[in-house]
């Protein structure tokens, strides 16, 4: 699969609506297929688990290859997403964490906090995550996580 053919689900809560809009535009400009799963506005408070669930379902159902979830800190989105078997959501805030999320942890969802990361940096983090290949030497740890989680 060519990386530009990736389907990426993106969702946010109200706090990260503006950042979601920026990341969706960035990904589309890069030639990625984007599934925008909301929120549709930053004016009304919404519950982040509802939006995390949409992207998780896209990945688990095969409608998306990867996901990006955005909220105020990224923590709530990651906590919700990581409740589902087969999901590896990582909160990132700098280049090192974005690269490790892909290279070491094979994160299939990237979580970013809109109150903590500026839009330009967030787009850089998303691109670094997309461009970093998984290092197979870490696979046994991911297998162990699955084994321990049952």
Foldseek 3Di string as FASTA:
>chain_A
DDLLAFEEEEEEWLQCQVLSVLLVVLNVVVNHHYHYQDDPHNPDGDDQLVSLVVRLCCCVVVVGQAYEYEYQAQVVSQVSSVVDPPADEFEDAAQVRLLCCCAQVVGRYYTYHPNRHPSVRVNVSVVNNSPHHYDCVNVVVVVVVNVVVD
